């Protein structure tokens, strides 16, 4: 079974920036996605408010993973959409075998979204959070787990996104150094 970082990666990747496609384009699709990951029961449904909350959580996470966080900690400045989504989720702190854990208090889809929020803390606790990143290529922004030894990976794929970025930089440098046409 995948861990919390993988769950968060999959959640962020429900929106494909490059293809402009969204797996969570409606409350019904959100419910299916949550159900497939056993975050809600087969009878639970999502409503418009749940859908808006999930989209804010997802896009806030994408922003945090892309910008302004140090290698090992949670960000100093939380994006407004993420802050609003987290504030809307009823949670309580519990102790499980002496370890602090967050427990969503909502029901149905709200609880499922709360379990996604709780995965942020779980990923931080198990060391997966610093490895969870979003591709540095502006047209991509695909979430990935950085499995490199020194956590230095910037792109989801060096072959595709890394090559695009490096090719653009090379062309820009060549253009700067080219003599002006006479």
C-alpha atoms as a PDB file:
ATOM      1  CA  UNK A   1       0.000   0.000   0.000  1.00  0.00           C
ATOM      2  CA  UNK A   2       1.186   3.510  -0.786  1.00  0.00           C
ATOM      3  CA  UNK A   3       2.101   5.882   1.997  1.00  0.00           C
ATOM      4  CA  UNK A   4       0.831   9.385   2.719  1.00  0.00           C
ATOM      5  CA  UNK A   5       3.284  11.121   0.333  1.00  0.00           C
ATOM      6  CA  UNK A   6       2.094   8.920  -2.534  1.00  0.00           C
ATOM      7  CA  UNK A   7      -1.537   9.658  -1.671  1.00  0.00           C
ATOM      8  CA  UNK A   8      -0.818  13.403  -1.716  1.00  0.00           C
ATOM      9  CA  UNK A   9       1.101  13.074  -4.995  1.00  0.00           C
ATOM     10  CA  UNK A  10      -1.840  11.271  -6.585  1.00  0.00           C
ATOM     11  CA  UNK A  11      -4.251  13.875  -5.240  1.00  0.00           C
ATOM     12  CA  UNK A  12      -2.253  16.807  -6.637  1.00  0.00           C
ATOM     13  CA  UNK A  13      -1.981  14.967  -9.965  1.00  0.00           C
ATOM     14  CA  UNK A  14      -5.763  14.786 -10.357  1.00  0.00           C
ATOM     15  CA  UNK A  15      -5.329  18.028 -12.301  1.00  0.00           C
ATOM     16  CA  UNK A  16      -3.034  17.830 -15.324  1.00  0.00           C
ATOM     17  CA  UNK A  17      -1.750  21.371 -15.916  1.00  0.00           C
ATOM     18  CA  UNK A  18      -0.232  20.584 -19.312  1.00  0.00           C
ATOM     19  CA  UNK A  19      -3.332  18.844 -20.666  1.00  0.00           C
ATOM     20  CA  UNK A  20      -5.785  21.035 -18.724  1.00  0.00           C
ATOM     21  CA  UNK A  21      -7.721  17.945 -17.631  1.00  0.00           C
ATOM     22  CA  UNK A  22      -9.243  17.436 -14.209  1.00  0.00           C
ATOM     23  CA  UNK A  23     -10.171  14.065 -12.708  1.00  0.00           C
ATOM     24  CA  UNK A  24     -12.134  15.972 -10.055  1.00  0.00           C
ATOM     25  CA  UNK A  25     -14.254  18.089 -12.400  1.00  0.00           C
ATOM     26  CA  UNK A  26     -17.427  17.554 -10.339  1.00  0.00           C
ATOM     27  CA  UNK A  27     -18.576  16.490  -6.869  1.00  0.00           C
ATOM     28  CA  UNK A  28     -19.459  13.053  -8.275  1.00  0.00           C
ATOM     29  CA  UNK A  29     -15.934  12.575  -9.648  1.00  0.00           C
ATOM     30  CA  UNK A  30     -14.476  13.666  -6.307  1.00  0.00           C
ATOM     31  CA  UNK A  31     -16.599  11.028  -4.544  1.00  0.00           C
ATOM     32  CA  UNK A  32     -15.406   8.332  -6.968  1.00  0.00           C
ATOM     33  CA  UNK A  33     -11.760   9.309  -6.433  1.00  0.00           C
ATOM     34  CA  UNK A  34     -12.130   9.291  -2.629  1.00  0.00           C
ATOM     35  CA  UNK A  35     -14.032   5.983  -2.749  1.00  0.00           C
ATOM     36  CA  UNK A  36     -11.373   4.314  -4.922  1.00  0.00           C
ATOM     37  CA  UNK A  37      -8.796   5.161  -2.261  1.00  0.00           C
ATOM     38  CA  UNK A  38     -11.049   3.964   0.563  1.00  0.00           C
ATOM     39  CA  UNK A  39     -11.211   7.443   2.094  1.00  0.00           C
ATOM     40  CA  UNK A  40     -15.032   7.339   2.096  1.00  0.00           C
ATOM     41  CA  UNK A  41     -17.614   4.548   2.096  1.00  0.00           C
ATOM     42  CA  UNK A  42     -19.496   3.264  -0.938  1.00  0.00           C
ATOM     43  CA  UNK A  43     -22.613   5.161   0.135  1.00  0.00           C
ATOM     44  CA  UNK A  44     -20.964   8.548   0.735  1.00  0.00           C
ATOM     45  CA  UNK A  45     -21.543  11.340  -1.758  1.00  0.00           C
ATOM     46  CA  UNK A  46     -19.821  14.703  -2.300  1.00  0.00           C
ATOM     47  CA  UNK A  47     -21.582  18.046  -2.716  1.00  0.00           C
ATOM     48  CA  UNK A  48     -20.445  21.324  -4.273  1.00  0.00           C
ATOM     49  CA  UNK A  49     -18.906  22.564  -1.001  1.00  0.00           C
ATOM     50  CA  UNK A  50     -16.865  19.352  -0.700  1.00  0.00           C
ATOM     51  CA  UNK A  51     -15.695  19.722  -4.285  1.00  0.00           C
ATOM     52  CA  UNK A  52     -14.629  23.371  -3.779  1.00  0.00           C
ATOM     53  CA  UNK A  53     -12.808  22.400  -0.567  1.00  0.00           C
ATOM     54  CA  UNK A  54     -10.955  19.565  -2.319  1.00  0.00           C
ATOM     55  CA  UNK A  55      -9.897  21.789  -5.234  1.00  0.00           C
ATOM     56  CA  UNK A  56      -8.612  24.460  -2.825  1.00  0.00           C
ATOM     57  CA  UNK A  57      -6.694  21.828  -0.868  1.00  0.00           C
ATOM     58  CA  UNK A  58      -5.212  20.349  -4.050  1.00  0.00           C
ATOM     59  CA  UNK A  59      -4.151  23.652  -5.601  1.00  0.00           C
ATOM     60  CA  UNK A  60      -2.841  24.933  -2.277  1.00  0.00           C
ATOM     61  CA  UNK A  61      -0.729  21.795  -1.936  1.00  0.00           C
ATOM     62  CA  UNK A  62       0.558  22.225  -5.499  1.00  0.00           C
ATOM     63  CA  UNK A  63       1.609  25.784  -4.645  1.00  0.00           C
ATOM     64  CA  UNK A  64       3.320  24.749  -1.404  1.00  0.00           C
ATOM     65  CA  UNK A  65       5.159  21.903  -3.098  1.00  0.00           C
ATOM     66  CA  UNK A  66       6.329  24.196  -5.864  1.00  0.00           C
ATOM     67  CA  UNK A  67       7.260  27.331  -3.929  1.00  0.00           C
ATOM     68  CA  UNK A  68       8.498  28.570  -0.623  1.00  0.00           C
ATOM     69  CA  UNK A  69       9.232  25.556   1.487  1.00  0.00           C
ATOM     70  CA  UNK A  70      12.492  24.443   2.875  1.00  0.00           C
ATOM     71  CA  UNK A  71      13.730  20.938   2.255  1.00  0.00           C
ATOM     72  CA  UNK A  72      12.451  19.463   5.493  1.00  0.00           C
ATOM     73  CA  UNK A  73       9.753  21.642   6.980  1.00  0.00           C
ATOM     74  CA  UNK A  74       6.290  22.853   6.249  1.00  0.00           C
ATOM     75  CA  UNK A  75       6.129  26.240   4.509  1.00  0.00           C
ATOM     76  CA  UNK A  76       6.491  29.506   6.390  1.00  0.00           C
ATOM     77  CA  UNK A  77       3.737  31.162   4.348  1.00  0.00           C
ATOM     78  CA  UNK A  78       0.748  29.009   3.503  1.00  0.00           C
ATOM     79  CA  UNK A  79      -1.156  29.917   0.306  1.00  0.00           C
ATOM     80  CA  UNK A  80      -4.593  31.413   1.000  1.00  0.00           C
ATOM     81  CA  UNK A  81      -6.514  28.572  -0.665  1.00  0.00           C
ATOM     82  CA  UNK A  82      -4.661  25.959   1.378  1.00  0.00           C
ATOM     83  CA  UNK A  83      -5.091  27.933   4.605  1.00  0.00           C
ATOM     84  CA  UNK A  84      -8.837  28.281   3.943  1.00  0.00           C
ATOM     85  CA  UNK A  85      -9.200  24.573   3.103  1.00  0.00           C
ATOM     86  CA  UNK A  86      -7.345  23.459   6.228  1.00  0.00           C
ATOM     87  CA  UNK A  87      -9.329  25.875   8.401  1.00  0.00           C
ATOM     88  CA  UNK A  88     -12.604  24.464   7.020  1.00  0.00           C
ATOM     89  CA  UNK A  89     -11.773  20.897   8.027  1.00  0.00           C
ATOM     90  CA  UNK A  90     -12.852  19.863  11.510  1.00  0.00           C
ATOM     91  CA  UNK A  91      -9.921  17.937  13.019  1.00  0.00           C
ATOM     92  CA  UNK A  92      -8.840  16.811  16.429  1.00  0.00           C
ATOM     93  CA  UNK A  93      -5.443  15.805  17.705  1.00  0.00           C
ATOM     94  CA  UNK A  94      -5.205  12.356  19.245  1.00  0.00           C
ATOM     95  CA  UNK A  95      -2.461  10.136  20.600  1.00  0.00           C
ATOM     96  CA  UNK A  96      -2.053   6.776  18.899  1.00  0.00           C
ATOM     97  CA  UNK A  97       0.397   4.576  20.787  1.00  0.00           C
ATOM     98  CA  UNK A  98       1.880   7.747  22.280  1.00  0.00           C
ATOM     99  CA  UNK A  99       2.327   9.413  18.878  1.00  0.00           C
ATOM    100  CA  UNK A 100       0.327  12.541  17.995  1.00  0.00           C
ATOM    101  CA  UNK A 101      -2.079  12.084  15.084  1.00  0.00           C
ATOM    102  CA  UNK A 102      -4.838  14.143  13.522  1.00  0.00           C
ATOM    103  CA  UNK A 103      -8.327  12.723  13.278  1.00  0.00           C
ATOM    104  CA  UNK A 104     -10.894  14.229  10.867  1.00  0.00           C
ATOM    105  CA  UNK A 105     -14.236  14.851  12.571  1.00  0.00           C
ATOM    106  CA  UNK A 106     -16.402  15.383   9.486  1.00  0.00           C
ATOM    107  CA  UNK A 107     -18.524  12.776   7.774  1.00  0.00           C
ATOM    108  CA  UNK A 108     -18.638  11.510   4.228  1.00  0.00           C
ATOM    109  CA  UNK A 109     -16.598  13.438   1.665  1.00  0.00           C
ATOM    110  CA  UNK A 110     -15.597  16.059   4.246  1.00  0.00           C
ATOM    111  CA  UNK A 111     -13.990  13.291   6.300  1.00  0.00           C
ATOM    112  CA  UNK A 112     -12.258  11.932   3.191  1.00  0.00           C
ATOM    113  CA  UNK A 113     -10.813  15.362   2.459  1.00  0.00           C
ATOM    114  CA  UNK A 114      -9.802  15.582   6.121  1.00  0.00           C
ATOM    115  CA  UNK A 115      -7.907  12.310   5.713  1.00  0.00           C
ATOM    116  CA  UNK A 116      -6.011  13.924   2.830  1.00  0.00           C
ATOM    117  CA  UNK A 117      -5.132  16.854   5.099  1.00  0.00           C
ATOM    118  CA  UNK A 118      -4.037  14.422   7.819  1.00  0.00           C
ATOM    119  CA  UNK A 119      -1.744  12.781   5.243  1.00  0.00           C
ATOM    120  CA  UNK A 120       0.280  16.021   5.180  1.00  0.00           C
ATOM    121  CA  UNK A 121       1.224  15.507   8.829  1.00  0.00           C
ATOM    122  CA  UNK A 122       1.768  11.773   8.310  1.00  0.00           C
ATOM    123  CA  UNK A 123       4.076  12.411   5.350  1.00  0.00           C
ATOM    124  CA  UNK A 124       5.996  14.932   7.434  1.00  0.00           C
ATOM    125  CA  UNK A 125       6.290  12.481  10.342  1.00  0.00           C
ATOM    126  CA  UNK A 126       7.471   9.551   8.212  1.00  0.00           C
ATOM    127  CA  UNK A 127       9.978  11.590   6.191  1.00  0.00           C
ATOM    128  CA  UNK A 128       8.052  11.509   2.909  1.00  0.00           C
ATOM    129  CA  UNK A 129       7.121  15.206   2.892  1.00  0.00           C
ATOM    130  CA  UNK A 130      10.569  16.576   1.882  1.00  0.00           C
ATOM    131  CA  UNK A 131      10.649  14.162  -1.047  1.00  0.00           C
ATOM    132  CA  UNK A 132       7.241  15.248  -2.348  1.00  0.00           C
ATOM    133  CA  UNK A 133       7.778  17.884  -5.049  1.00  0.00           C
ATOM    134  CA  UNK A 134       6.137  19.510  -8.045  1.00  0.00           C
ATOM    135  CA  UNK A 135       7.955  19.664 -11.371  1.00  0.00           C
ATOM    136  CA  UNK A 136       9.806  22.955 -11.861  1.00  0.00           C
ATOM    137  CA  UNK A 137       8.709  23.091 -15.521  1.00  0.00           C
ATOM    138  CA  UNK A 138       5.960  25.757 -15.662  1.00  0.00           C
ATOM    139  CA  UNK A 139       3.920  23.899 -18.256  1.00  0.00           C
ATOM    140  CA  UNK A 140       3.976  20.650 -16.270  1.00  0.00           C
ATOM    141  CA  UNK A 141       3.725  21.055 -12.478  1.00  0.00           C
ATOM    142  CA  UNK A 142       3.283  17.283 -12.044  1.00  0.00           C
ATOM    143  CA  UNK A 143       3.812  16.058  -8.480  1.00  0.00           C
ATOM    144  CA  UNK A 144       6.480  13.406  -7.949  1.00  0.00           C
ATOM    145  CA  UNK A 145       8.413  11.682  -5.187  1.00  0.00           C
ATOM    146  CA  UNK A 146      12.089  12.665  -5.337  1.00  0.00           C
ATOM    147  CA  UNK A 147      13.915   9.398  -4.827  1.00  0.00           C
ATOM    148  CA  UNK A 148      17.374  10.873  -5.453  1.00  0.00           C
ATOM    149  CA  UNK A 149      19.857  10.386  -2.644  1.00  0.00           C
ATOM    150  CA  UNK A 150      20.384  14.118  -2.028  1.00  0.00           C
ATOM    151  CA  UNK A 151      16.773  15.180  -2.815  1.00  0.00           C
ATOM    152  CA  UNK A 152      17.968  17.468  -5.602  1.00  0.00           C
ATOM    153  CA  UNK A 153      15.601  16.458  -8.391  1.00  0.00           C
ATOM    154  CA  UNK A 154      13.725  19.394  -9.956  1.00  0.00           C
ATOM    155  CA  UNK A 155      11.705  17.789 -12.748  1.00  0.00           C
ATOM    156  CA  UNK A 156       9.253  14.923 -12.894  1.00  0.00           C
ATOM    157  CA  UNK A 157      11.247  13.635 -15.877  1.00  0.00           C
ATOM    158  CA  UNK A 158      14.728  14.723 -16.889  1.00  0.00           C
ATOM    159  CA  UNK A 159      14.105  13.290 -20.344  1.00  0.00           C
ATOM    160  CA  UNK A 160      11.026  15.470 -20.969  1.00  0.00           C
ATOM    161  CA  UNK A 161      10.709  18.446 -18.608  1.00  0.00           C
ATOM    162  CA  UNK A 162      14.394  18.764 -17.751  1.00  0.00           C
ATOM    163  CA  UNK A 163      15.278  18.653 -21.438  1.00  0.00           C
ATOM    164  CA  UNK A 164      12.672  21.334 -22.261  1.00  0.00           C
ATOM    165  CA  UNK A 165      14.031  23.666 -19.593  1.00  0.00           C
ATOM    166  CA  UNK A 166      17.675  23.136 -20.513  1.00  0.00           C
ATOM    167  CA  UNK A 167      16.967  23.558 -24.240  1.00  0.00           C
ATOM    168  CA  UNK A 168      15.182  26.881 -23.613  1.00  0.00           C
ATOM    169  CA  UNK A 169      18.077  28.098 -21.459  1.00  0.00           C
ATOM    170  CA  UNK A 170      20.599  27.055 -24.123  1.00  0.00           C
ATOM    171  CA  UNK A 171      18.671  28.862 -26.860  1.00  0.00           C
ATOM    172  CA  UNK A 172      18.365  31.998 -24.721  1.00  0.00           C
ATOM    173  CA  UNK A 173      22.131  32.002 -24.083  1.00  0.00           C
ATOM    174  CA  UNK A 174      22.905  31.532 -27.787  1.00  0.00           C
ATOM    175  CA  UNK A 175      20.531  34.326 -28.723  1.00  0.00           C
ATOM    176  CA  UNK A 176      22.244  36.696 -26.261  1.00  0.00           C
ATOM    177  CA  UNK A 177      25.671  35.948 -27.711  1.00  0.00           C
ATOM    178  CA  UNK A 178      24.692  36.006 -31.396  1.00  0.00           C
ATOM    179  CA  UNK A 179      25.868  39.018 -33.349  1.00  0.00           C
ATOM    180  CA  UNK A 180      23.107  41.376 -34.444  1.00  0.00           C
ATOM    181  CA  UNK A 181      22.241  41.055 -38.148  1.00  0.00           C
ATOM    182  CA  UNK A 182      23.660  43.870 -40.234  1.00  0.00           C
END
